[in-house]
Amino acid sequence: MKKPDTTLYFITDSTNMCEDEFLYRTEQALKGGVTLLQIREKDRTTREYIHLASKVHEIAKKYNVPLIVDDRIDVAMAIDAEGVHLGQSDMPVDIARRILGKDKIIGATAKTVEQAVEAYKNGADNLGVGAIYPTTTKVKTVLTSVDTLKDICKAVPIPVNAIGGLNKDNIDVLKGTGISGVCVVSAIMKAENPQTAAEQIKQRFICLG
């Protein structure tokens, strides 16, 4: 599979939303220029996760944007998603690669240079590094310095994305780090207009050079 474009990596959050609202906001974000989409559901049953991920996948296909499933290789396989993203407590990247094969995208979370190098050697296609700022999502976060982010970018040849509390007003701190893109959750998902929010964040990142 062609390496993913991670310029604007959008991670969904369906907390306190009905399904229709969630799907509407997700599609608006895609209209705004999202280049990689990840569905993240920590509290749903397997059946619920598959149901929602299937609907999100159909929307993503309309915009030719790959869908990544957070944590759950079984759900990704069930809906034939384009890939998975694995945290440090999830299935090891090398085992996931063996199961999914060479054509699926496997992303990994890394908070240190050592974790980044290990993930790359085990077959990860891209990395999410952070949190750069405190986040409002339910995910447990440990802050990562911009210097560490820069060191990780130098240590591995695969795309590295910053994640954690990022929005159009604070991503200037990432200038010169060497990242391939930004991962955004709340700044798009909770925006009054998700399409406009996505457009503004993407343009702001591109302008960082």
N, C-alpha and C. Protein backbone atom coordinates (compact mmCIF):
# COMPACT_ATOMS: atom_id res chain seq x y z
N MET A 1 0.84 -1.21 0.00
CA MET A 1 0.00 0.00 0.00
C MET A 1 0.88 1.25 0.00
N LYS A 2 0.43 2.25 -0.73
CA LYS A 2 1.13 3.53 -0.75
C LYS A 2 1.15 4.12 0.65
N LYS A 3 2.28 4.71 1.02
CA LYS A 3 2.40 5.30 2.35
C LYS A 3 1.32 6.37 2.53
N PRO A 4 0.70 6.39 3.70
CA PRO A 4 -0.42 7.31 3.92
C PRO A 4 0.02 8.77 3.99
N ASP A 5 -0.84 9.65 3.53
CA ASP A 5 -0.65 11.08 3.69
C ASP A 5 -1.17 11.45 5.07
N THR A 6 -0.28 11.83 5.96
CA THR A 6 -0.68 12.11 7.35
C THR A 6 -0.74 13.60 7.66
N THR A 7 -0.83 14.42 6.63
CA THR A 7 -0.83 15.88 6.84
C THR A 7 -1.87 16.30 7.87
N LEU A 8 -3.10 15.87 7.68
CA LEU A 8 -4.16 16.16 8.66
C LEU A 8 -4.81 14.84 9.06
N TYR A 9 -4.39 14.33 10.19
CA TYR A 9 -4.80 13.02 10.71
C TYR A 9 -5.87 13.27 11.76
N PHE A 10 -7.09 12.93 11.40
CA PHE A 10 -8.24 13.22 12.27
C PHE A 10 -8.66 11.97 13.02
N ILE A 11 -8.76 12.09 14.34
CA ILE A 11 -9.18 10.98 15.20
C ILE A 11 -10.54 11.32 15.78
N THR A 12 -11.50 10.43 15.57
CA THR A 12 -12.87 10.72 15.98
C THR A 12 -13.08 10.51 17.48
N ASP A 13 -14.15 11.13 17.97
CA ASP A 13 -14.57 10.98 19.36
C ASP A 13 -16.09 11.13 19.39
N SER A 14 -16.78 10.03 19.64
CA SER A 14 -18.25 10.06 19.60
C SER A 14 -18.90 10.36 20.95
N THR A 15 -18.09 10.71 21.93
CA THR A 15 -18.60 10.96 23.28
C THR A 15 -19.73 11.99 23.28
N ASN A 16 -20.84 11.63 23.91
CA ASN A 16 -22.00 12.51 24.07
C ASN A 16 -22.64 12.94 22.75
N MET A 17 -22.48 12.12 21.72
CA MET A 17 -23.12 12.42 20.44
C MET A 17 -24.00 11.26 20.01
N CYS A 18 -25.12 11.58 19.40
CA CYS A 18 -25.91 10.53 18.78
C CYS A 18 -25.19 10.11 17.50
N GLU A 19 -25.57 8.98 16.96
CA GLU A 19 -24.86 8.46 15.79
C GLU A 19 -24.94 9.40 14.59
N ASP A 20 -26.11 9.97 14.34
CA ASP A 20 -26.26 10.85 13.19
C ASP A 20 -25.36 12.08 13.29
N GLU A 21 -25.31 12.66 14.49
CA GLU A 21 -24.45 13.84 14.70
C GLU A 21 -22.98 13.48 14.52
N PHE A 22 -22.60 12.33 15.06
CA PHE A 22 -21.22 11.86 14.94
C PHE A 22 -20.83 11.67 13.47
N LEU A 23 -21.68 10.99 12.72
CA LEU A 23 -21.37 10.73 11.32
C LEU A 23 -21.36 12.02 10.50
N TYR A 24 -22.27 12.94 10.82
CA TYR A 24 -22.30 14.23 10.13
C TYR A 24 -21.00 15.00 10.36
N ARG A 25 -20.56 15.07 11.62
CA ARG A 25 -19.34 15.80 11.94
C ARG A 25 -18.11 15.16 11.30
N THR A 26 -18.11 13.83 11.27
CA THR A 26 -17.00 13.13 10.64
C THR A 26 -16.93 13.45 9.15
N GLU A 27 -18.08 13.45 8.50
CA GLU A 27 -18.08 13.76 7.07
C GLU A 27 -17.70 15.22 6.81
N GLN A 28 -18.15 16.12 7.65
CA GLN A 28 -17.77 17.53 7.49
C GLN A 28 -16.25 17.70 7.60
N ALA A 29 -15.64 16.96 8.50
CA ALA A 29 -14.18 17.02 8.64
C ALA A 29 -13.50 16.52 7.37
N LEU A 30 -14.02 15.45 6.81
CA LEU A 30 -13.46 14.93 5.56
C LEU A 30 -13.60 15.96 4.44
N LYS A 31 -14.71 16.64 4.40
CA LYS A 31 -14.90 17.70 3.40
C LYS A 31 -13.87 18.82 3.59
N GLY A 32 -13.41 18.99 4.82
CA GLY A 32 -12.45 20.04 5.13
C GLY A 32 -11.01 19.69 4.81
N GLY A 33 -10.78 18.47 4.32
CA GLY A 33 -9.42 18.14 3.87
C GLY A 33 -8.66 17.15 4.71
N VAL A 34 -9.34 16.40 5.58
CA VAL A 34 -8.67 15.35 6.35
C VAL A 34 -8.01 14.37 5.37
N THR A 35 -6.76 13.98 5.66
CA THR A 35 -6.03 13.08 4.76
C THR A 35 -5.94 11.65 5.30
N LEU A 36 -6.14 11.47 6.60
CA LEU A 36 -6.15 10.14 7.21
C LEU A 36 -7.13 10.18 8.37
N LEU A 37 -8.00 9.18 8.44
CA LEU A 37 -9.08 9.16 9.43
C LEU A 37 -8.93 7.96 10.35
N GLN A 38 -9.02 8.22 11.64
CA GLN A 38 -8.94 7.13 12.62
C GLN A 38 -10.19 7.13 13.49
N ILE A 39 -10.82 5.97 13.59
CA ILE A 39 -11.95 5.84 14.50
C ILE A 39 -11.44 5.28 15.83
N ARG A 40 -11.79 5.96 16.90
CA ARG A 40 -11.33 5.54 18.23
C ARG A 40 -12.53 5.43 19.17
N GLU A 41 -12.81 4.22 19.59
CA GLU A 41 -13.94 3.93 20.48
C GLU A 41 -13.44 3.04 21.62
N LYS A 42 -13.32 3.60 22.78
CA LYS A 42 -12.77 2.86 23.92
C LYS A 42 -13.82 2.07 24.69
N ASP A 43 -15.08 2.49 24.58
CA ASP A 43 -16.09 1.94 25.48
C ASP A 43 -17.20 1.16 24.80
N ARG A 44 -17.08 0.88 23.53
CA ARG A 44 -18.13 0.15 22.82
C ARG A 44 -17.85 -1.35 22.81
N THR A 45 -18.90 -2.13 22.71
CA THR A 45 -18.73 -3.57 22.54
C THR A 45 -18.17 -3.81 21.13
N THR A 46 -17.68 -5.01 20.91
CA THR A 46 -17.13 -5.35 19.60
C THR A 46 -18.19 -5.15 18.51
N ARG A 47 -19.40 -5.62 18.78
CA ARG A 47 -20.47 -5.49 17.78
C ARG A 47 -20.80 -4.02 17.51
N GLU A 48 -20.86 -3.23 18.55
CA GLU A 48 -21.13 -1.79 18.38
C GLU A 48 -20.01 -1.11 17.60
N TYR A 49 -18.79 -1.49 17.91
CA TYR A 49 -17.62 -0.90 17.24
C TYR A 49 -17.66 -1.23 15.74
N ILE A 50 -17.93 -2.48 15.41
CA ILE A 50 -18.01 -2.89 14.01
C ILE A 50 -19.12 -2.13 13.29
N HIS A 51 -20.27 -2.00 13.94
CA HIS A 51 -21.40 -1.29 13.34
C HIS A 51 -21.02 0.15 12.99
N LEU A 52 -20.44 0.87 13.95
CA LEU A 52 -20.11 2.27 13.72
C LEU A 52 -18.94 2.41 12.75
N ALA A 53 -17.94 1.57 12.89
CA ALA A 53 -16.78 1.64 12.01
C ALA A 53 -17.16 1.38 10.56
N SER A 54 -18.11 0.48 10.34
CA SER A 54 -18.58 0.20 8.98
C SER A 54 -19.19 1.45 8.35
N LYS A 55 -19.98 2.16 9.13
CA LYS A 55 -20.61 3.38 8.61
C LYS A 55 -19.58 4.47 8.33
N VAL A 56 -18.61 4.60 9.23
CA VAL A 56 -17.54 5.58 9.02
C VAL A 56 -16.71 5.21 7.79
N HIS A 57 -16.47 3.92 7.61
CA HIS A 57 -15.67 3.47 6.46
C HIS A 57 -16.36 3.83 5.15
N GLU A 58 -17.67 3.67 5.09
CA GLU A 58 -18.40 4.02 3.86
C GLU A 58 -18.27 5.51 3.54
N ILE A 59 -18.30 6.33 4.57
CA ILE A 59 -18.13 7.77 4.36
C ILE A 59 -16.72 8.07 3.90
N ALA A 60 -15.74 7.47 4.55
CA ALA A 60 -14.34 7.72 4.20
C ALA A 60 -14.04 7.35 2.75
N LYS A 61 -14.65 6.27 2.29
CA LYS A 61 -14.43 5.83 0.90
C LYS A 61 -14.90 6.88 -0.10
N LYS A 62 -15.94 7.62 0.24
CA LYS A 62 -16.45 8.66 -0.65
C LYS A 62 -15.40 9.73 -0.92
N TYR A 63 -14.52 9.93 0.06
CA TYR A 63 -13.51 10.98 -0.05
C TYR A 63 -12.12 10.39 -0.31
N ASN A 64 -12.08 9.08 -0.57
CA ASN A 64 -10.82 8.38 -0.85
C ASN A 64 -9.79 8.58 0.26
N VAL A 65 -10.28 8.55 1.50
CA VAL A 65 -9.41 8.72 2.67
C VAL A 65 -9.33 7.38 3.41
N PRO A 66 -8.13 6.89 3.70
CA PRO A 66 -7.99 5.62 4.42
C PRO A 66 -8.57 5.71 5.82
N LEU A 67 -9.19 4.61 6.27
CA LEU A 67 -9.70 4.53 7.63
C LEU A 67 -8.80 3.63 8.47
N ILE A 68 -8.39 4.15 9.61
CA ILE A 68 -7.56 3.44 10.57
C ILE A 68 -8.42 3.14 11.80
N VAL A 69 -8.36 1.92 12.30
CA VAL A 69 -9.10 1.55 13.50
C VAL A 69 -8.15 1.57 14.69
N ASP A 70 -8.53 2.26 15.73
CA ASP A 70 -7.70 2.35 16.92
C ASP A 70 -7.74 1.04 17.71
N ASP A 71 -6.60 0.52 18.06
CA ASP A 71 -6.44 -0.62 18.97
C ASP A 71 -6.85 -1.98 18.40
N ARG A 72 -7.99 -2.04 17.73
CA ARG A 72 -8.68 -3.30 17.49
C ARG A 72 -8.43 -3.89 16.10
N ILE A 73 -7.51 -4.82 16.05
CA ILE A 73 -7.21 -5.50 14.79
C ILE A 73 -8.42 -6.30 14.31
N ASP A 74 -9.17 -6.89 15.24
CA ASP A 74 -10.33 -7.68 14.84
C ASP A 74 -11.38 -6.82 14.15
N VAL A 75 -11.60 -5.63 14.68
CA VAL A 75 -12.58 -4.72 14.07
C VAL A 75 -12.08 -4.26 12.70
N ALA A 76 -10.80 -3.94 12.61
CA ALA A 76 -10.22 -3.51 11.33
C ALA A 76 -10.38 -4.60 10.27
N MET A 77 -10.14 -5.83 10.66
CA MET A 77 -10.28 -6.95 9.71
C MET A 77 -11.74 -7.19 9.35
N ALA A 78 -12.62 -7.01 10.32
CA ALA A 78 -14.05 -7.26 10.09
C ALA A 78 -14.62 -6.33 9.03
N ILE A 79 -14.15 -5.09 8.99
CA ILE A 79 -14.70 -4.12 8.03
C ILE A 79 -13.74 -3.86 6.87
N ASP A 80 -12.62 -4.57 6.86
CA ASP A 80 -11.59 -4.39 5.83
C ASP A 80 -11.10 -2.95 5.78
N ALA A 81 -10.84 -2.40 6.95
CA ALA A 81 -10.29 -1.04 7.04
C ALA A 81 -8.87 -1.03 6.46
N GLU A 82 -8.39 0.15 6.16
CA GLU A 82 -7.07 0.27 5.55
C GLU A 82 -5.94 0.04 6.54
N GLY A 83 -6.25 0.09 7.85
CA GLY A 83 -5.18 -0.14 8.81
C GLY A 83 -5.62 -0.03 10.25
N VAL A 84 -4.64 -0.08 11.15
CA VAL A 84 -4.86 0.03 12.58
C VAL A 84 -3.82 0.96 13.19
N HIS A 85 -4.16 1.46 14.37
CA HIS A 85 -3.17 2.21 15.16
C HIS A 85 -3.04 1.52 16.51
N LEU A 86 -1.80 1.28 16.92
CA LEU A 86 -1.53 0.51 18.12
C LEU A 86 -0.76 1.33 19.16
N GLY A 87 -1.29 1.34 20.38
CA GLY A 87 -0.62 2.00 21.48
C GLY A 87 0.39 1.06 22.14
N GLN A 88 1.07 1.57 23.15
CA GLN A 88 2.11 0.79 23.81
C GLN A 88 1.57 -0.41 24.57
N SER A 89 0.28 -0.40 24.91
CA SER A 89 -0.30 -1.53 25.63
C SER A 89 -1.11 -2.46 24.72
N ASP A 90 -1.12 -2.16 23.42
CA ASP A 90 -1.86 -2.97 22.46
C ASP A 90 -0.97 -4.08 21.89
N MET A 91 -1.49 -4.79 20.92
CA MET A 91 -0.72 -5.85 20.27
C MET A 91 0.58 -5.29 19.71
N PRO A 92 1.70 -6.00 19.89
CA PRO A 92 2.98 -5.54 19.33
C PRO A 92 2.90 -5.38 17.81
N VAL A 93 3.60 -4.40 17.29
CA VAL A 93 3.54 -4.08 15.87
C VAL A 93 3.95 -5.26 15.00
N ASP A 94 5.00 -5.99 15.38
CA ASP A 94 5.46 -7.09 14.53
C ASP A 94 4.42 -8.21 14.42
N ILE A 95 3.70 -8.46 15.50
CA ILE A 95 2.65 -9.49 15.46
C ILE A 95 1.49 -9.00 14.60
N ALA A 96 1.13 -7.72 14.78
CA ALA A 96 0.05 -7.15 13.96
C ALA A 96 0.40 -7.21 12.48
N ARG A 97 1.66 -6.94 12.15
CA ARG A 97 2.09 -6.98 10.76
C ARG A 97 1.98 -8.40 10.20
N ARG A 98 2.32 -9.36 11.02
CA ARG A 98 2.24 -10.76 10.58
C ARG A 98 0.78 -11.15 10.30
N ILE A 99 -0.14 -10.63 11.12
CA ILE A 99 -1.56 -10.95 10.95
C ILE A 99 -2.16 -10.21 9.76
N LEU A 100 -1.85 -8.93 9.65
CA LEU A 100 -2.51 -8.08 8.65
C LEU A 100 -1.84 -8.12 7.29
N GLY A 101 -0.56 -8.51 7.24
CA GLY A 101 0.16 -8.53 5.98
C GLY A 101 0.78 -7.18 5.65
N LYS A 102 1.44 -7.14 4.51
CA LYS A 102 2.25 -5.96 4.16
C LYS A 102 1.43 -4.81 3.58
N ASP A 103 0.19 -5.07 3.19
CA ASP A 103 -0.58 -4.05 2.48
C ASP A 103 -1.41 -3.14 3.37
N LYS A 104 -1.52 -3.47 4.65
CA LYS A 104 -2.31 -2.63 5.56
C LYS A 104 -1.40 -1.61 6.26
N ILE A 105 -1.99 -0.47 6.60
CA ILE A 105 -1.27 0.58 7.32
C ILE A 105 -1.26 0.22 8.80
N ILE A 106 -0.08 0.26 9.41
CA ILE A 106 0.02 0.07 10.86
C ILE A 106 0.73 1.28 11.45
N GLY A 107 -0.01 2.02 12.26
CA GLY A 107 0.57 3.15 12.98
C GLY A 107 0.84 2.75 14.41
N ALA A 108 1.74 3.45 15.05
CA ALA A 108 2.09 3.13 16.44
C ALA A 108 2.29 4.41 17.23
N THR A 109 1.99 4.32 18.52
CA THR A 109 2.25 5.42 19.44
C THR A 109 3.67 5.30 19.98
N ALA A 110 4.37 6.42 20.00
CA ALA A 110 5.73 6.43 20.57
C ALA A 110 5.91 7.71 21.38
N LYS A 111 6.48 7.57 22.55
CA LYS A 111 6.73 8.72 23.41
C LYS A 111 8.22 8.96 23.64
N THR A 112 9.04 8.00 23.19
CA THR A 112 10.49 8.13 23.32
C THR A 112 11.15 7.70 22.01
N VAL A 113 12.40 8.08 21.86
CA VAL A 113 13.16 7.67 20.67
C VAL A 113 13.25 6.15 20.60
N GLU A 114 13.45 5.52 21.75
CA GLU A 114 13.58 4.05 21.79
C GLU A 114 12.31 3.37 21.30
N GLN A 115 11.16 3.85 21.76
CA GLN A 115 9.88 3.28 21.32
C GLN A 115 9.68 3.50 19.82
N ALA A 116 10.07 4.66 19.34
CA ALA A 116 9.92 4.98 17.92
C ALA A 116 10.76 4.05 17.04
N VAL A 117 12.01 3.87 17.42
CA VAL A 117 12.91 3.01 16.64
C VAL A 117 12.42 1.56 16.66
N GLU A 118 11.96 1.11 17.81
CA GLU A 118 11.45 -0.26 17.92
C GLU A 118 10.23 -0.45 17.01
N ALA A 119 9.31 0.51 17.05
CA ALA A 119 8.10 0.41 16.22
C ALA A 119 8.46 0.38 14.74
N TYR A 120 9.40 1.23 14.34
CA TYR A 120 9.83 1.27 12.94
C TYR A 120 10.45 -0.06 12.53
N LYS A 121 11.34 -0.59 13.35
CA LYS A 121 12.00 -1.86 13.03
C LYS A 121 11.01 -3.02 12.96
N ASN A 122 9.93 -2.92 13.73
CA ASN A 122 8.93 -3.98 13.75
C ASN A 122 7.87 -3.86 12.65
N GLY A 123 7.98 -2.79 11.85
CA GLY A 123 7.10 -2.69 10.69
C GLY A 123 6.06 -1.60 10.71
N ALA A 124 6.15 -0.64 11.63
CA ALA A 124 5.18 0.46 11.65
C ALA A 124 5.37 1.35 10.43
N ASP A 125 4.25 1.84 9.90
CA ASP A 125 4.28 2.74 8.75
C ASP A 125 4.33 4.20 9.14
N ASN A 126 3.83 4.52 10.32
CA ASN A 126 3.83 5.91 10.79
C ASN A 126 3.71 5.92 12.31
N LEU A 127 4.04 7.06 12.90
CA LEU A 127 4.04 7.18 14.36
C LEU A 127 3.21 8.37 14.81
N GLY A 128 2.54 8.20 15.94
CA GLY A 128 1.89 9.31 16.62
C GLY A 128 2.66 9.60 17.89
N VAL A 129 3.08 10.85 18.06
CA VAL A 129 3.94 11.22 19.20
C VAL A 129 3.28 12.34 20.00
N GLY A 130 3.19 12.15 21.30
CA GLY A 130 2.59 13.15 22.17
C GLY A 130 2.20 12.53 23.50
N ALA A 131 1.50 13.26 24.31
CA ALA A 131 0.75 14.47 23.98
C ALA A 131 1.65 15.71 24.10
N ILE A 132 1.52 16.58 23.09
CA ILE A 132 2.27 17.83 23.10
C ILE A 132 1.67 18.79 24.12
N TYR A 133 0.35 18.86 24.17
CA TYR A 133 -0.37 19.65 25.16
C TYR A 133 -1.36 18.74 25.89
N PRO A 134 -1.83 19.14 27.07
CA PRO A 134 -2.89 18.36 27.74
C PRO A 134 -4.10 18.26 26.84
N THR A 135 -4.82 17.13 26.91
CA THR A 135 -5.97 16.93 26.04
C THR A 135 -7.26 16.82 26.86
N THR A 136 -8.37 16.94 26.14
CA THR A 136 -9.68 16.82 26.80
C THR A 136 -10.32 15.46 26.51
N THR A 137 -9.60 14.59 25.79
CA THR A 137 -10.16 13.26 25.50
C THR A 137 -9.99 12.38 26.73
N LYS A 138 -10.65 11.21 26.69
CA LYS A 138 -10.61 10.27 27.80
C LYS A 138 -9.29 9.49 27.87
N VAL A 139 -8.50 9.58 26.81
CA VAL A 139 -7.28 8.79 26.74
C VAL A 139 -6.25 9.31 27.74
N LYS A 140 -5.62 8.39 28.46
CA LYS A 140 -4.57 8.78 29.40
C LYS A 140 -3.38 9.31 28.62
N THR A 141 -2.86 10.44 29.04
CA THR A 141 -1.77 11.06 28.29
C THR A 141 -0.59 11.40 29.19
N VAL A 142 0.59 11.30 28.60
CA VAL A 142 1.82 11.76 29.22
C VAL A 142 2.42 12.77 28.26
N LEU A 143 2.75 13.95 28.75
CA LEU A 143 3.23 15.00 27.87
C LEU A 143 4.61 14.66 27.30
N THR A 144 4.79 15.01 26.04
CA THR A 144 6.05 14.78 25.33
C THR A 144 6.60 16.13 24.90
N SER A 145 7.88 16.35 25.12
CA SER A 145 8.47 17.65 24.78
C SER A 145 8.67 17.76 23.27
N VAL A 146 8.71 19.00 22.80
CA VAL A 146 8.96 19.25 21.39
C VAL A 146 10.35 18.77 21.01
N ASP A 147 11.30 18.86 21.93
CA ASP A 147 12.66 18.37 21.65
C ASP A 147 12.66 16.87 21.41
N THR A 148 11.88 16.13 22.21
CA THR A 148 11.78 14.68 22.00
C THR A 148 11.12 14.39 20.66
N LEU A 149 10.11 15.15 20.32
CA LEU A 149 9.45 15.01 19.03
C LEU A 149 10.45 15.20 17.89
N LYS A 150 11.28 16.20 18.02
CA LYS A 150 12.29 16.48 17.00
C LYS A 150 13.30 15.33 16.90
N ASP A 151 13.70 14.80 18.05
CA ASP A 151 14.65 13.69 18.07
C ASP A 151 14.07 12.43 17.42
N ILE A 152 12.79 12.20 17.65
CA ILE A 152 12.13 11.05 17.05
C ILE A 152 12.08 11.19 15.53
N CYS A 153 11.78 12.39 15.06
CA CYS A 153 11.73 12.62 13.61
C CYS A 153 13.08 12.34 12.95
N LYS A 154 14.15 12.65 13.66
CA LYS A 154 15.49 12.41 13.13
C LYS A 154 15.86 10.93 13.18
N ALA A 155 15.24 10.19 14.11
CA ALA A 155 15.66 8.80 14.37
C ALA A 155 15.02 7.78 13.44
N VAL A 156 13.87 8.14 12.84
CA VAL A 156 13.16 7.17 11.99
C VAL A 156 12.79 7.80 10.64
N PRO A 157 12.75 6.97 9.57
CA PRO A 157 12.46 7.49 8.23
C PRO A 157 10.98 7.46 7.85
N ILE A 158 10.10 7.11 8.79
CA ILE A 158 8.67 7.03 8.50
C ILE A 158 7.97 8.30 9.00
N PRO A 159 6.77 8.58 8.49
CA PRO A 159 6.05 9.79 8.92
C PRO A 159 5.81 9.81 10.42
N VAL A 160 6.05 10.96 11.02
CA VAL A 160 5.81 11.18 12.45
C VAL A 160 4.80 12.31 12.59
N ASN A 161 3.76 12.08 13.37
CA ASN A 161 2.74 13.09 13.61
C ASN A 161 2.70 13.46 15.08
N ALA A 162 2.53 14.75 15.33
CA ALA A 162 2.34 15.22 16.70
C ALA A 162 0.87 15.09 17.06
N ILE A 163 0.61 14.80 18.33
CA ILE A 163 -0.77 14.65 18.81
C ILE A 163 -0.88 15.21 20.22
N GLY A 164 -2.09 15.67 20.55
CA GLY A 164 -2.32 16.09 21.93
C GLY A 164 -2.63 17.55 22.09
N GLY A 165 -3.91 17.89 22.12
CA GLY A 165 -4.32 19.26 22.41
C GLY A 165 -3.97 20.26 21.33
N LEU A 166 -3.76 19.80 20.10
CA LEU A 166 -3.33 20.71 19.03
C LEU A 166 -4.52 21.37 18.35
N ASN A 167 -4.34 22.65 17.99
CA ASN A 167 -5.34 23.39 17.24
C ASN A 167 -4.64 24.45 16.40
N LYS A 168 -5.40 25.20 15.62
CA LYS A 168 -4.80 26.15 14.69
C LYS A 168 -4.02 27.25 15.39
N ASP A 169 -4.32 27.48 16.67
CA ASP A 169 -3.68 28.58 17.38
C ASP A 169 -2.41 28.20 18.12
N ASN A 170 -2.12 26.90 18.23
CA ASN A 170 -0.93 26.52 19.01
C ASN A 170 0.06 25.62 18.28
N ILE A 171 -0.20 25.32 16.99
CA ILE A 171 0.71 24.40 16.32
C ILE A 171 2.00 25.05 15.83
N ASP A 172 2.12 26.36 15.99
CA ASP A 172 3.37 27.02 15.60
C ASP A 172 4.57 26.46 16.35
N VAL A 173 4.32 25.92 17.55
CA VAL A 173 5.41 25.36 18.36
C VAL A 173 6.07 24.18 17.65
N LEU A 174 5.40 23.61 16.67
CA LEU A 174 5.91 22.43 15.96
C LEU A 174 6.81 22.79 14.78
N LYS A 175 6.94 24.05 14.47
CA LYS A 175 7.75 24.48 13.33
C LYS A 175 9.19 23.99 13.48
N GLY A 176 9.70 23.38 12.44
CA GLY A 176 11.09 22.93 12.44
C GLY A 176 11.34 21.58 13.08
N THR A 177 10.27 20.90 13.50
CA THR A 177 10.47 19.61 14.16
C THR A 177 10.69 18.48 13.17
N GLY A 178 10.21 18.64 11.94
CA GLY A 178 10.35 17.59 10.96
C GLY A 178 9.15 16.66 10.86
N ILE A 179 8.05 16.99 11.55
CA ILE A 179 6.87 16.12 11.51
C ILE A 179 6.21 16.15 10.13
N SER A 180 5.48 15.08 9.85
CA SER A 180 4.78 14.97 8.57
C SER A 180 3.36 15.51 8.62
N GLY A 181 2.85 15.70 9.84
CA GLY A 181 1.49 16.19 9.97
C GLY A 181 1.08 16.27 11.43
N VAL A 182 -0.17 16.65 11.63
CA VAL A 182 -0.72 16.76 12.99
C VAL A 182 -1.93 15.85 13.14
N CYS A 183 -2.06 15.29 14.35
CA CYS A 183 -3.25 14.52 14.71
C CYS A 183 -4.15 15.41 15.55
N VAL A 184 -5.41 15.46 15.18
CA VAL A 184 -6.35 16.35 15.85
C VAL A 184 -7.62 15.59 16.23
N VAL A 185 -8.11 15.86 17.42
CA VAL A 185 -9.38 15.26 17.87
C VAL A 185 -10.37 16.40 18.15
N SER A 186 -10.30 16.96 19.32
CA SER A 186 -11.31 17.91 19.79
C SER A 186 -11.41 19.18 18.96
N ALA A 187 -10.27 19.66 18.45
CA ALA A 187 -10.28 20.92 17.70
C ALA A 187 -11.14 20.83 16.44
N ILE A 188 -11.36 19.62 15.96
CA ILE A 188 -12.27 19.42 14.83
C ILE A 188 -13.60 18.85 15.30
N MET A 189 -13.55 17.80 16.10
CA MET A 189 -14.76 17.09 16.50
C MET A 189 -15.73 17.99 17.27
N LYS A 190 -15.20 18.87 18.10
CA LYS A 190 -16.05 19.73 18.93
C LYS A 190 -16.22 21.13 18.37
N ALA A 191 -15.71 21.35 17.17
CA ALA A 191 -15.79 22.69 16.57
C ALA A 191 -17.23 22.99 16.14
N GLU A 192 -17.56 24.26 16.14
CA GLU A 192 -18.88 24.67 15.68
C GLU A 192 -19.08 24.25 14.23
N ASN A 193 -18.01 24.39 13.44
CA ASN A 193 -18.04 23.97 12.04
C ASN A 193 -16.82 23.08 11.78
N PRO A 194 -16.97 21.77 11.82
CA PRO A 194 -15.83 20.86 11.65
C PRO A 194 -15.11 21.02 10.31
N GLN A 195 -15.86 21.33 9.26
CA GLN A 195 -15.22 21.50 7.95
C GLN A 195 -14.27 22.70 7.96
N THR A 196 -14.74 23.81 8.47
CA THR A 196 -13.91 25.01 8.54
C THR A 196 -12.71 24.78 9.46
N ALA A 197 -12.93 24.13 10.59
CA ALA A 197 -11.85 23.84 11.52
C ALA A 197 -10.76 23.01 10.85
N ALA A 198 -11.18 21.98 10.11
CA ALA A 198 -10.21 21.14 9.41
C ALA A 198 -9.44 21.93 8.37
N GLU A 199 -10.13 22.75 7.62
CA GLU A 199 -9.47 23.58 6.60
C GLU A 199 -8.44 24.51 7.22
N GLN A 200 -8.79 25.13 8.33
CA GLN A 200 -7.90 26.10 8.97
C GLN A 200 -6.66 25.43 9.56
N ILE A 201 -6.86 24.27 10.21
CA ILE A 201 -5.72 23.57 10.81
C ILE A 201 -4.78 23.06 9.73
N LYS A 202 -5.34 22.51 8.68
CA LYS A 202 -4.51 22.00 7.59
C LYS A 202 -3.70 23.12 6.95
N GLN A 203 -4.35 24.24 6.67
CA GLN A 203 -3.66 25.36 6.06
C GLN A 203 -2.58 25.91 6.98
N ARG A 204 -2.88 25.97 8.26
CA ARG A 204 -1.91 26.47 9.24
C ARG A 204 -0.68 25.57 9.29
N PHE A 205 -0.90 24.27 9.23
CA PHE A 205 0.23 23.36 9.26
C PHE A 205 1.07 23.49 8.00
N ILE A 206 0.40 23.57 6.85
CA ILE A 206 1.13 23.71 5.58
C ILE A 206 1.98 24.97 5.59
N CYS A 207 1.45 26.03 6.19
CA CYS A 207 2.18 27.30 6.25
C CYS A 207 3.41 27.24 7.17
N LEU A 208 3.46 26.25 8.06
CA LEU A 208 4.64 26.11 8.92
C LEU A 208 5.88 25.76 8.10
N GLY A 209 5.64 25.18 6.94
CA GLY A 209 6.75 24.82 6.05
C GLY A 209 7.47 23.59 6.53
